Protein backbone atom coordinates (compact mmCIF):
# COMPACT_ATOMS: atom_id res chain seq x y z
CA UNK A 1 -15.57 41.34 -37.68
CA UNK A 2 -17.95 38.52 -37.08
CA UNK A 3 -15.20 35.95 -37.27
CA UNK A 4 -12.94 38.04 -34.82
CA UNK A 5 -15.92 38.41 -32.43
CA UNK A 6 -16.44 34.47 -32.48
CA UNK A 7 -12.89 34.06 -31.84
CA UNK A 8 -12.97 36.49 -28.83
CA UNK A 9 -15.94 34.77 -27.38
CA UNK A 10 -14.33 31.47 -27.56
CA UNK A 11 -11.24 32.68 -25.98
CA UNK A 12 -13.18 33.73 -23.03
CA UNK A 13 -14.17 30.21 -22.40
CA UNK A 14 -10.95 28.45 -23.09
CA UNK A 15 -8.65 27.52 -20.03
CA UNK A 16 -5.59 29.71 -19.77
CA UNK A 17 -2.42 28.02 -20.69
CA UNK A 18 -0.60 26.14 -17.74
CA UNK A 19 2.39 27.98 -16.83
CA UNK A 20 5.59 25.86 -15.76
CA UNK A 21 8.52 27.56 -14.52
CA UNK A 22 11.44 25.69 -16.17
CA UNK A 23 14.11 27.32 -14.13
CA UNK A 24 12.51 25.92 -10.94
CA UNK A 25 12.05 22.37 -12.62
CA UNK A 26 15.79 22.64 -13.35
CA UNK A 27 16.70 23.35 -9.70
CA UNK A 28 14.41 20.65 -8.50
CA UNK A 29 16.03 18.12 -10.84
CA UNK A 30 19.46 19.24 -9.77
CA UNK A 31 18.60 18.84 -6.06
CA UNK A 32 16.84 15.50 -6.52
CA UNK A 33 19.71 13.96 -8.41
CA UNK A 34 22.80 15.58 -6.99
CA UNK A 35 22.03 15.72 -3.42
CA UNK A 36 19.37 12.90 -2.87
CA UNK A 37 18.47 11.70 0.54
CA UNK A 38 15.75 9.37 -0.58
CA UNK A 39 17.66 6.04 -0.05
CA UNK A 40 18.86 7.19 3.20
CA UNK A 41 15.32 7.81 4.37
CA UNK A 42 14.40 4.41 2.88
CA UNK A 43 17.26 2.79 4.79
CA UNK A 44 15.88 4.03 8.19
CA UNK A 45 12.35 3.10 7.49
CA UNK A 46 13.32 -0.44 6.45
CA UNK A 47 16.53 -1.67 7.74
CA UNK A 48 16.35 0.28 11.04
CA UNK A 49 12.71 0.20 11.89
CA UNK A 50 11.68 -2.97 9.91
CA UNK A 51 8.05 -3.93 9.43
CA UNK A 52 5.62 -1.17 10.35
CA UNK A 53 2.28 -2.77 11.07
CA UNK A 54 -0.31 -0.32 12.30
CA UNK A 55 -0.41 -0.46 16.13
CA UNK A 56 3.08 -1.98 16.33
CA UNK A 57 6.29 -0.62 18.12
CA UNK A 58 7.98 -0.54 14.61
CA UNK A 59 5.49 1.84 13.21
CA UNK A 60 5.54 4.21 16.28
CA UNK A 61 9.22 4.34 16.12
CA UNK A 62 9.36 5.03 12.26
CA UNK A 63 6.82 7.79 12.71
CA UNK A 64 8.60 9.39 15.34
CA UNK A 65 11.82 9.26 13.32
CA UNK A 66 10.05 11.06 10.45
CA UNK A 67 8.98 13.76 12.65
CA UNK A 68 12.44 14.17 13.83
CA UNK A 69 13.79 14.15 10.32
CA UNK A 70 11.33 16.81 9.17
CA UNK A 71 12.30 19.19 12.06
CA UNK A 72 16.00 18.91 10.93
CA UNK A 73 14.84 19.85 7.32
CA UNK A 74 13.09 22.99 8.92
CA UNK A 75 9.42 21.70 8.05
CA UNK A 76 6.84 23.35 9.92
CA UNK A 77 4.94 21.77 12.79
CA UNK A 78 5.90 18.16 12.04
CA UNK A 79 3.74 15.94 14.40
CA UNK A 80 1.57 12.88 14.82
CA UNK A 81 -2.07 13.58 14.44
CA UNK A 82 -4.35 11.07 16.08
CA UNK A 83 -7.33 9.55 13.96
CA UNK A 84 -8.86 7.31 16.41
CA UNK A 85 -8.59 3.60 17.73
CA UNK A 86 -7.33 0.92 15.41
CA UNK A 87 -7.98 -2.11 17.44
CA UNK A 88 -5.45 -4.61 18.84
CA UNK A 89 -1.84 -4.16 17.55
CA UNK A 90 0.37 -7.21 16.83
CA UNK A 91 3.91 -7.97 16.56
CA UNK A 92 6.38 -10.83 16.01
CA UNK A 93 9.47 -11.18 18.10
CA UNK A 94 10.72 -14.66 16.87
CA UNK A 95 9.95 -17.21 14.36
CA UNK A 96 11.78 -20.53 14.02
CA UNK A 97 10.57 -23.31 11.71
CA UNK A 98 12.13 -26.79 10.81
CA UNK A 99 11.55 -30.09 9.17
CA UNK A 100 13.04 -32.63 11.53
CA UNK A 101 12.13 -35.81 9.80
CA UNK A 102 12.66 -37.73 7.49
CA UNK A 103 15.73 -35.32 6.96
CA UNK A 104 16.46 -32.02 8.59
CA UNK A 105 15.74 -28.83 6.62
CA UNK A 106 15.05 -25.27 7.66
CA UNK A 107 11.67 -23.89 6.53
CA UNK A 108 11.34 -20.50 5.13
CA UNK A 109 8.37 -18.65 6.58
CA UNK A 110 6.95 -16.14 9.14
CA UNK A 111 4.18 -15.76 11.62
CA UNK A 112 0.83 -14.74 10.26
CA UNK A 113 -0.42 -11.45 11.63
CA UNK A 114 -2.95 -11.48 14.39
CA UNK A 115 -2.21 -14.97 15.58
CA UNK A 116 -0.67 -15.91 18.97
CA UNK A 117 2.67 -17.38 19.73
CA UNK A 118 3.14 -21.19 20.29
CA UNK A 119 4.31 -20.53 24.02
CA UNK A 120 7.40 -22.54 23.28
CA UNK A 121 8.48 -25.25 20.84
CA UNK A 122 5.59 -27.22 19.28
CA UNK A 123 6.27 -30.37 17.06
CA UNK A 124 4.56 -33.17 15.56
CA UNK A 125 3.30 -34.61 12.30
CA UNK A 126 1.22 -32.23 10.35
CA UNK A 127 -2.18 -33.24 8.72
CA UNK A 128 -3.33 -31.89 5.42
CA UNK A 129 -6.86 -30.65 5.99
CA UNK A 130 -7.79 -28.04 3.52
CA UNK A 131 -10.58 -25.64 4.70
CA UNK A 132 -11.95 -23.11 2.37
CA UNK A 133 -15.75 -23.51 3.42
CA UNK A 134 -17.78 -24.31 6.49
CA UNK A 135 -18.38 -27.53 4.63
CA UNK A 136 -14.74 -28.36 4.45
CA UNK A 137 -14.32 -27.76 8.07
CA UNK A 138 -17.21 -30.04 8.95
CA UNK A 139 -15.47 -32.95 7.42
CA UNK A 140 -12.57 -32.59 10.14
CA UNK A 141 -14.89 -32.25 13.26
CA UNK A 142 -13.45 -34.21 16.01
CA UNK A 143 -10.15 -35.26 14.10
CA UNK A 144 -7.80 -32.35 14.85
CA UNK A 145 -7.21 -32.13 18.58
CA UNK A 146 -3.57 -31.41 19.26
CA UNK A 147 -2.67 -31.46 15.57
CA UNK A 148 -0.66 -29.18 13.29
CA UNK A 149 -2.83 -28.45 10.41
CA UNK A 150 -1.85 -27.64 6.75
CA UNK A 151 -4.79 -25.37 5.92
CA UNK A 152 -4.67 -25.04 2.26
CA UNK A 153 -4.35 -27.60 -0.57
CA UNK A 154 -0.81 -27.95 -2.21
CA UNK A 155 -0.18 -25.71 -5.36
CA UNK A 156 2.52 -27.14 -7.83
CA UNK A 157 4.62 -24.53 -9.04
CA UNK A 158 5.06 -24.31 -12.99
CA UNK A 159 8.50 -25.08 -14.35
CA UNK A 160 11.17 -22.27 -14.25
CA UNK A 161 8.86 -19.77 -12.63
CA UNK A 162 10.46 -16.37 -12.63
CA UNK A 163 10.09 -12.63 -11.37
CA UNK A 164 11.52 -10.42 -14.10
CA UNK A 165 12.05 -6.78 -13.42
CA UNK A 166 9.36 -5.40 -15.71
CA UNK A 167 8.99 -1.98 -17.19
CA UNK A 168 5.95 -0.56 -19.15
CA UNK A 169 6.69 -0.55 -22.97
CA UNK A 170 5.12 1.80 -25.48
CA UNK A 171 2.26 -0.64 -26.19
CA UNK A 172 1.48 -1.11 -22.46
CA UNK A 173 1.49 2.80 -21.91
CA UNK A 174 -0.78 3.36 -24.96
CA UNK A 175 -3.16 0.81 -23.62
CA UNK A 176 -3.31 2.77 -20.32
CA UNK A 177 -4.15 5.87 -22.27
CA UNK A 178 -7.31 4.36 -23.43
CA UNK A 179 -10.48 4.54 -21.53
CA UNK A 180 -11.58 1.56 -19.78
CA UNK A 181 -14.69 -0.37 -20.97
CA UNK A 182 -17.52 1.29 -19.01
CA UNK A 183 -19.63 -1.90 -19.34
CA UNK A 184 -17.16 -4.09 -17.68
CA UNK A 185 -17.87 -3.08 -14.15
CA UNK A 186 -15.80 -4.36 -11.17
CA UNK A 187 -15.69 -7.99 -9.76
CA UNK A 188 -17.69 -7.97 -6.55
CA UNK A 189 -15.58 -8.38 -3.33
CA UNK A 190 -17.66 -9.29 -0.33
CA UNK A 191 -15.33 -8.40 2.48
CA UNK A 192 -18.11 -9.00 5.11
CA UNK A 193 -18.63 -12.64 3.89
CA UNK A 194 -14.86 -13.22 3.80
CA UNK A 195 -14.50 -12.04 7.28
CA UNK A 196 -17.40 -14.28 8.58
CA UNK A 197 -15.89 -17.26 7.01
CA UNK A 198 -12.48 -16.44 8.41
CA UNK A 199 -14.02 -16.03 11.96
CA UNK A 200 -16.08 -19.27 11.57
CA UNK A 201 -12.87 -21.35 10.66
CA UNK A 202 -10.77 -19.66 13.25
CA UNK A 203 -13.30 -20.54 15.99
CA UNK A 204 -13.69 -23.99 14.56
CA UNK A 205 -9.92 -24.66 14.72
CA UNK A 206 -9.83 -23.29 18.27
CA UNK A 207 -12.88 -25.57 19.34
CA UNK A 208 -11.09 -28.63 17.79
CA UNK A 209 -7.83 -27.94 19.86
CA UNK A 210 -5.53 -27.30 16.96
CA UNK A 211 -2.08 -26.26 18.05
CA UNK A 212 -0.71 -24.71 14.90
CA UNK A 213 -1.96 -23.91 11.23
CA UNK A 214 0.56 -23.83 8.22
CA UNK A 215 -0.35 -22.24 4.85
CA UNK A 216 1.83 -21.82 1.71
CA UNK A 217 2.40 -18.54 -0.10
CA UNK A 218 -0.73 -17.53 -1.77
CA UNK A 219 -1.38 -16.93 -5.38
CA UNK A 220 -3.42 -13.88 -6.21
CA UNK A 221 -6.88 -14.48 -7.51
CA UNK A 222 -6.78 -11.27 -9.67
CA UNK A 223 -3.50 -12.08 -11.48
CA UNK A 224 -3.37 -12.97 -14.96
CA UNK A 225 -2.21 -16.48 -16.03
CA UNK A 226 1.07 -15.07 -16.87
CA UNK A 227 1.43 -13.54 -13.46
CA UNK A 228 0.65 -16.97 -11.79
CA UNK A 229 3.45 -18.62 -13.51
CA UNK A 230 5.78 -16.01 -12.05
CA UNK A 231 4.71 -15.91 -8.46
CA UNK A 232 5.51 -17.85 -5.27
CA UNK A 233 8.72 -19.31 -6.26
CA UNK A 234 12.40 -18.91 -5.07
CA UNK A 235 11.49 -18.88 -1.38
CA UNK A 236 9.24 -15.89 -1.83
CA UNK A 237 6.24 -16.13 0.55
CA UNK A 238 3.35 -13.65 -0.02
CA UNK A 239 1.77 -13.05 3.27
CA UNK A 240 -1.71 -13.44 4.56
CA UNK A 241 -3.24 -12.46 7.85
CA UNK A 242 -4.57 -15.19 10.22
CA UNK A 243 -6.62 -13.11 12.39
CA UNK A 244 -8.04 -9.60 12.76
CA UNK A 245 -7.20 -6.39 14.64
CA UNK A 246 -10.92 -6.22 15.69
CA UNK A 247 -11.19 -7.44 19.37
CA UNK A 248 -14.64 -8.89 18.82
CA UNK A 249 -13.15 -11.36 16.21
CA UNK A 250 -11.78 -14.76 17.53
CA UNK A 251 -8.10 -15.13 17.96
CA UNK A 252 -6.90 -18.02 15.83
CA UNK A 253 -4.48 -20.63 16.81
CA UNK A 254 -0.82 -19.91 16.12
CA UNK A 255 -0.36 -19.65 12.45
CA UNK A 256 2.49 -19.79 9.98
CA UNK A 257 3.03 -19.20 6.27
CA UNK A 258 5.87 -20.89 4.49
CA UNK A 259 7.46 -21.24 1.12
CA UNK A 260 5.44 -23.02 -1.42
CA UNK A 261 8.26 -25.14 -2.19
CA UNK A 262 8.56 -26.30 1.41
CA UNK A 263 4.66 -26.65 1.92
CA UNK A 264 4.55 -28.83 -1.30
CA UNK A 265 7.31 -30.96 0.06
CA UNK A 266 5.42 -31.64 3.17
CA UNK A 267 2.35 -32.45 1.20
CA UNK A 268 4.17 -34.96 -1.00
CA UNK A 269 5.70 -36.60 1.81
CA UNK A 270 2.27 -37.04 3.61
CA UNK A 271 0.79 -38.29 0.16
CA UNK A 272 3.44 -41.05 0.30
CA UNK A 273 2.92 -41.79 3.80
CA UNK A 274 6.40 -41.07 4.95
CA UNK A 275 6.55 -40.02 8.42
CA UNK A 276 6.94 -36.28 8.92
CA UNK A 277 7.93 -34.19 11.94
CA UNK A 278 7.88 -30.37 11.87
CA UNK A 279 8.98 -28.12 14.72
CA UNK A 280 7.88 -24.45 15.25
CA UNK A 281 8.75 -21.74 17.95
CA UNK A 282 6.86 -18.61 17.63
CA UNK A 283 6.86 -15.57 19.81
CA UNK A 284 4.22 -13.11 18.93
CA UNK A 285 2.18 -10.79 21.07
CA UNK A 286 -0.87 -8.61 20.84
CA UNK A 287 -0.79 -4.98 21.83
CA UNK A 288 -4.09 -4.05 23.40
CA UNK A 289 -3.72 -0.21 23.71
CA UNK A 290 -6.42 2.45 24.21
CA UNK A 291 -4.14 4.91 22.31
CA UNK A 292 -5.30 6.29 19.00
CA UNK A 293 -3.54 5.48 15.85
CA UNK A 294 -2.07 8.47 14.00
CA UNK A 295 -1.12 10.24 10.78
CA UNK A 296 2.50 11.76 10.24
CA UNK A 297 1.84 15.41 9.21
CA UNK A 298 4.24 18.27 8.44
CA UNK A 299 4.03 21.28 6.04
CA UNK A 300 5.79 24.17 4.36
CA UNK A 301 3.52 27.41 4.84
CA UNK A 302 2.48 29.28 1.92
CA UNK A 303 2.81 32.91 1.40
CA UNK A 304 -0.02 34.61 -0.45
CA UNK A 305 -2.80 31.83 0.01
CA UNK A 306 -1.58 30.29 3.18
CA UNK A 307 -5.06 28.90 4.11
CA UNK A 308 -5.15 26.93 0.76
CA UNK A 309 -3.45 23.55 0.86
CA UNK A 310 -1.72 21.19 -1.60
CA UNK A 311 -1.19 17.77 -0.10
CA UNK A 312 1.12 14.83 -0.87
CA UNK A 313 1.77 11.61 0.69
CA UNK A 314 1.71 7.75 0.82
CA UNK A 315 1.18 5.23 3.58
CA UNK A 316 3.80 4.64 6.33
CA UNK A 317 2.42 1.24 7.61
CA UNK A 318 3.37 -2.03 6.07
CA UNK A 319 2.79 -5.81 6.63
CA UNK A 320 5.08 -7.96 8.83
CA UNK A 321 6.61 -10.11 6.08
CA UNK A 322 9.69 -8.14 4.98
CA UNK A 323 10.47 -4.69 5.96
CA UNK A 324 7.92 -2.91 3.98
CA UNK A 325 10.32 -1.35 1.43
CA UNK A 326 8.23 -1.32 -1.68
CA UNK A 327 5.05 -1.21 0.22
CA UNK A 328 5.34 1.61 1.08
CA UNK A 329 8.70 2.78 2.44
CA UNK A 330 9.15 3.74 -1.13
CA UNK A 331 6.11 6.08 -1.13
CA UNK A 332 7.01 7.64 2.23
CA UNK A 333 10.60 8.21 1.32
CA UNK A 334 9.75 9.73 -2.07
CA UNK A 335 7.13 12.14 -0.64
CA UNK A 336 9.26 13.00 2.19
CA UNK A 337 12.19 13.54 -0.25
CA UNK A 338 9.82 15.97 -2.40
CA UNK A 339 9.09 18.01 0.71
CA UNK A 340 12.73 18.20 1.59
CA UNK A 341 13.54 19.33 -1.88
CA UNK A 342 11.11 22.03 -1.88
CA UNK A 343 12.24 23.23 1.57
CA UNK A 344 15.96 22.92 0.73
CA UNK A 345 15.40 25.14 -2.40
CA UNK A 346 13.52 27.69 -0.27
CA UNK A 347 10.92 27.86 -3.01
CA UNK A 348 8.19 30.39 -2.36
CA UNK A 349 4.72 28.84 -2.93
CA UNK A 350 1.42 30.67 -2.52
CA UNK A 351 -0.30 27.76 -0.98
CA UNK A 352 0.67 25.51 1.97
CA UNK A 353 2.19 22.22 1.05
CA UNK A 354 1.38 19.52 3.50
CA UNK A 355 2.45 15.94 3.67
CA UNK A 356 0.32 12.98 5.19
CA UNK A 357 1.98 9.74 5.85
CA UNK A 358 -0.99 7.35 6.57
CA UNK A 359 -1.47 4.44 8.87
CA UNK A 360 -4.05 1.73 8.60
CA UNK A 361 -3.98 1.67 4.78
CA UNK A 362 -3.20 -2.13 4.57
CA UNK A 363 -6.55 -2.61 6.50
CA UNK A 364 -8.54 -0.39 4.24
CA UNK A 365 -7.13 3.10 3.91
CA UNK A 366 -8.34 3.79 7.45
CA UNK A 367 -5.93 6.54 8.31
CA UNK A 368 -6.53 8.79 5.26
CA UNK A 369 -10.33 8.19 5.42
CA UNK A 370 -10.38 9.29 8.98
CA UNK A 371 -8.21 12.44 8.26
CA UNK A 372 -10.45 13.27 5.13
CA UNK A 373 -13.53 12.93 7.35
CA UNK A 374 -12.09 15.21 10.07
CA UNK A 375 -10.60 17.81 7.85
CA UNK A 376 -12.83 17.82 4.50
CA UNK A 377 -16.01 15.81 4.21
CA UNK A 378 -17.78 12.60 5.54
CA UNK A 379 -18.17 10.26 2.46
CA UNK A 380 -21.22 8.64 4.04
CA UNK A 381 -23.25 12.03 4.20
CA UNK A 382 -21.11 14.33 2.04
CA UNK A 383 -21.38 16.81 4.74
CA UNK A 384 -18.55 19.25 3.95
CA UNK A 385 -16.25 20.99 6.42
CA UNK A 386 -14.85 24.51 5.68
CA UNK A 387 -11.54 23.01 4.77
CA UNK A 388 -13.07 21.31 1.79
CA UNK A 389 -13.07 24.43 -0.16
CA UNK A 390 -9.51 25.23 0.75
CA UNK A 391 -7.60 21.88 -0.42
CA UNK A 392 -6.67 22.10 -4.05
CA UNK A 393 -5.60 18.48 -4.41
CA UNK A 394 -3.66 15.47 -3.12
CA UNK A 395 -0.80 13.49 -4.85
CA UNK A 396 -0.08 10.02 -3.77
CA UNK A 397 2.84 7.45 -4.25
CA UNK A 398 2.04 3.91 -3.61
CA UNK A 399 2.66 1.38 -6.36
CA UNK A 400 6.21 0.01 -5.51
CA UNK A 401 9.55 1.18 -6.29
CA UNK A 402 8.87 1.74 -10.08
CA UNK A 403 9.65 5.17 -11.65
CA UNK A 404 6.82 7.41 -12.56
CA UNK A 405 5.39 7.11 -16.04
CA UNK A 406 2.37 9.39 -15.76
CA UNK A 407 -0.71 9.81 -13.83
CA UNK A 408 -4.23 8.50 -13.63
CA UNK A 409 -6.82 11.22 -14.02
CA UNK A 410 -9.36 9.34 -11.84
CA UNK A 411 -12.06 10.35 -14.34
CA UNK A 412 -11.13 14.03 -14.04
CA UNK A 413 -10.56 14.92 -17.67
CA UNK A 414 -10.26 18.63 -16.95
CA UNK A 415 -6.90 17.91 -15.41
CA UNK A 416 -5.61 16.47 -18.64
CA UNK A 417 -4.29 19.77 -20.05
CA UNK A 418 -2.84 20.71 -16.59
CA UNK A 419 -0.98 17.36 -16.18
CA UNK A 420 0.22 17.64 -19.82
CA UNK A 421 2.07 20.88 -19.04
CA UNK A 422 3.30 19.81 -15.66
CA UNK A 423 4.72 16.57 -16.85
CA UNK A 424 6.22 17.83 -20.25
CA UNK A 425 9.68 18.69 -18.66
CA UNK A 426 10.04 15.11 -17.73
CA UNK A 427 9.45 13.39 -21.10
CA UNK A 428 13.14 12.59 -21.22
CA UNK A 429 12.60 10.46 -17.94
CA UNK A 430 9.75 8.59 -19.64
CA UNK A 431 6.94 10.44 -17.89
CA UNK A 432 4.46 10.55 -20.79
CA UNK A 433 1.28 8.88 -20.09
CA UNK A 434 -1.95 10.45 -18.97
CA UNK A 435 -4.80 8.00 -18.35
CA UNK A 436 -8.33 9.02 -17.72
CA UNK A 437 -8.75 5.63 -15.90
CA UNK A 438 -9.38 5.28 -12.12
CA UNK A 439 -6.83 3.10 -10.11
CA UNK A 440 -7.77 1.80 -6.60
CA UNK A 441 -6.28 0.37 -3.37
CA UNK A 442 -4.66 3.20 -1.93
CA UNK A 443 -5.02 6.54 -0.25
CA UNK A 444 -5.84 8.95 -2.91
CA UNK A 445 -9.40 7.31 -3.05
CA UNK A 446 -10.22 8.95 0.39
CA UNK A 447 -9.83 12.33 -1.27
CA UNK A 448 -11.62 11.43 -4.42
CA UNK A 449 -14.40 9.98 -2.60
CA UNK A 450 -15.34 13.37 -1.11
CA UNK A 451 -14.67 15.42 -4.28
CA UNK A 452 -11.17 16.58 -3.60
CA UNK A 453 -8.95 15.98 -6.62
CA UNK A 454 -6.83 13.05 -5.68
CA UNK A 455 -4.27 11.32 -7.93
CA UNK A 456 -1.97 8.16 -7.94
CA UNK A 457 0.87 8.13 -10.43
CA UNK A 458 1.47 5.50 -13.03
CA UNK A 459 4.54 3.62 -12.07
CA UNK A 460 6.70 0.81 -13.82
CA UNK A 461 5.67 -2.47 -12.27
CA UNK A 462 9.30 -3.67 -11.76
CA UNK A 463 8.62 -6.66 -9.45
CA UNK A 464 5.97 -5.29 -7.34
CA UNK A 465 3.08 -8.00 -7.94
CA UNK A 466 5.43 -10.79 -8.75
CA UNK A 467 7.94 -10.53 -6.03
CA UNK A 468 7.75 -7.89 -3.20
CA UNK A 469 4.08 -6.96 -2.75
CA UNK A 470 3.22 -8.18 0.97
CA UNK A 471 6.07 -10.77 0.76
CA UNK A 472 9.21 -11.60 2.69
CA UNK A 473 11.06 -10.21 -0.07
CA UNK A 474 9.82 -6.66 0.36
CA UNK A 475 13.22 -5.51 1.54
CA UNK A 476 15.66 -2.43 0.96
CA UNK A 477 17.68 -4.35 -1.65
CA UNK A 478 14.44 -4.41 -3.85
CA UNK A 479 14.30 -0.67 -4.30
CA UNK A 480 15.39 1.02 -7.40
CA UNK A 481 17.46 4.04 -6.34
CA UNK A 482 17.37 5.74 -9.65
CA UNK A 483 13.51 5.41 -9.85
CA UNK A 484 12.92 6.86 -6.48
CA UNK A 485 15.16 9.84 -7.25
CA UNK A 486 13.41 10.44 -10.43
CA UNK A 487 9.96 10.15 -8.75
CA UNK A 488 10.88 12.60 -6.07
CA UNK A 489 11.72 15.14 -8.75
CA UNK A 490 8.51 14.89 -10.56
CA UNK A 491 6.37 14.88 -7.39
CA UNK A 492 8.27 17.91 -6.13
CA UNK A 493 7.74 19.65 -9.43
CA UNK A 494 3.95 18.79 -9.52
CA UNK A 495 3.46 19.95 -6.03
CA UNK A 496 5.06 23.15 -6.58
CA UNK A 497 2.99 23.79 -9.75
CA UNK A 498 -0.06 23.07 -7.88
CA UNK A 499 1.01 25.40 -5.05
CA UNK A 500 1.76 28.09 -7.25
CA UNK A 501 -0.90 27.88 -9.91
CA UNK A 502 -3.21 30.96 -9.84
CA UNK A 503 -6.38 28.83 -9.49
CA UNK A 504 -7.41 25.84 -7.52
CA UNK A 505 -7.32 22.46 -9.49
CA UNK A 506 -10.58 21.87 -11.42
CA UNK A 507 -12.90 19.39 -9.43
CA UNK A 508 -15.49 16.74 -10.73
CA UNK A 509 -19.03 17.14 -9.41
CA UNK A 510 -19.46 16.43 -5.78
CA UNK A 511 -20.17 12.76 -5.26
CA UNK A 512 -23.28 11.45 -3.77
CA UNK A 513 -23.22 10.29 -0.31
CA UNK A 514 -21.48 6.83 -0.25
CA UNK A 515 -22.45 4.34 2.59
CA UNK A 516 -19.88 1.55 3.27
CA UNK A 517 -19.39 -0.34 0.10
CA UNK A 518 -18.46 -4.11 0.32
CA UNK A 519 -16.17 -3.77 -2.85
CA UNK A 520 -14.72 -0.25 -2.36
CA UNK A 521 -11.21 -1.33 -1.28
CA UNK A 522 -8.48 -3.68 -2.48
CA UNK A 523 -8.92 -6.77 -0.26
CA UNK A 524 -6.40 -7.08 2.56
CA UNK A 525 -4.49 -10.24 2.59
CA UNK A 526 -6.39 -12.92 4.32
CA UNK A 527 -6.82 -16.61 4.16
């Protein structure tokens, strides 16, 4: 009898087994695989509306299209919800770059964001004047008036650089399941210092009368040596911003980024004292508008617990270098497709399901942070709004085109058995990994920072870091249709499970107030 009593007491404290409706999962998979609209959505966001920088006409048009498409699907109250001023917008209308001497060649490149146009054609011999510090700039004082400046040192590429399409193997997934070393910490990133240096160099270049700056495709400081051997080749240009959306920051001279191969050719010619002439014609414009930026919102109202909410989403904005396909039309298309699937199947869910397509993510998850502050809590004070108690969780998709392989728990181990049950029907698609680790750099952080369960899925790398992320190659052709279809099925199922679960999702303890941290976000691309 004593043993029976012990077992009975233990049972009272054990979590109830997660229920998964396999009939619903089967319907979701059938709709996702046999009637998919995900690539059609991706087509409009990329090929039709192109780059979608926050504050640009392209983003406005893409957002309005998303609202119209959700209305066609019968989604409730799709709209643009203002979140506040972003700063000056920017867009590029023309870019033309050429090597004129010693022999003609077109130059692969693009205008760097938040730099002005050239006001016509500019040409001349460039000067190699690398500037990484204030001391570097001082060496060139009085020597650059009217010049075209190559602003970084050349970076020779390793032989046979390549960008393979990469999937996680079993060993890599097993490694992700291990807890991270708690003593390792995070490398500091001083965004304020980087901004001060950028502003100093930009003001110096303006004062010196520089007419144009050129930089090569950059190599990521946080890449492994293996990745460094695979990047910036084949005409890929990983983009960087020259200026800032903040009107208080100086506007730099016109600025271009070109392929590393072309940049290195210019540097070699100059080194051998061969006369060089380059020609640029750039038409870029700033958009100084008092209008607020926005989040795209739509929902499927719940039935029994309509005031409780489950959210999904990804960021709609992109950089200007390609058409923002893997970063992050993929996430917008997948989460819109998940919402479409749930609506098309007319699934009855207790909780309201709401999508958020964020803007300003590339400048520091600005849109999602503003939305969370308005609706749930202010991370700086941790003062909670009434809606904080009514949101069950948020699910994000923003790591490229790769298929979902699992989920990061973001330190919330109470979610491990929940996700284990939810993801089990997708083991045949390779969705097997549940990692206790945190992952950063995208919009789930805004929710996690105020104690709302927020999750980013583990995705196959494919060629995100090695070819498409913030590059001119981030275009529709780099999207993997099967991966996006499978991901939409997984997310639709997870969202359905969360919206029909008897209880809200388990939460970690409420974080302490968090004043602005210098290393809180993935650094935006900059010089």
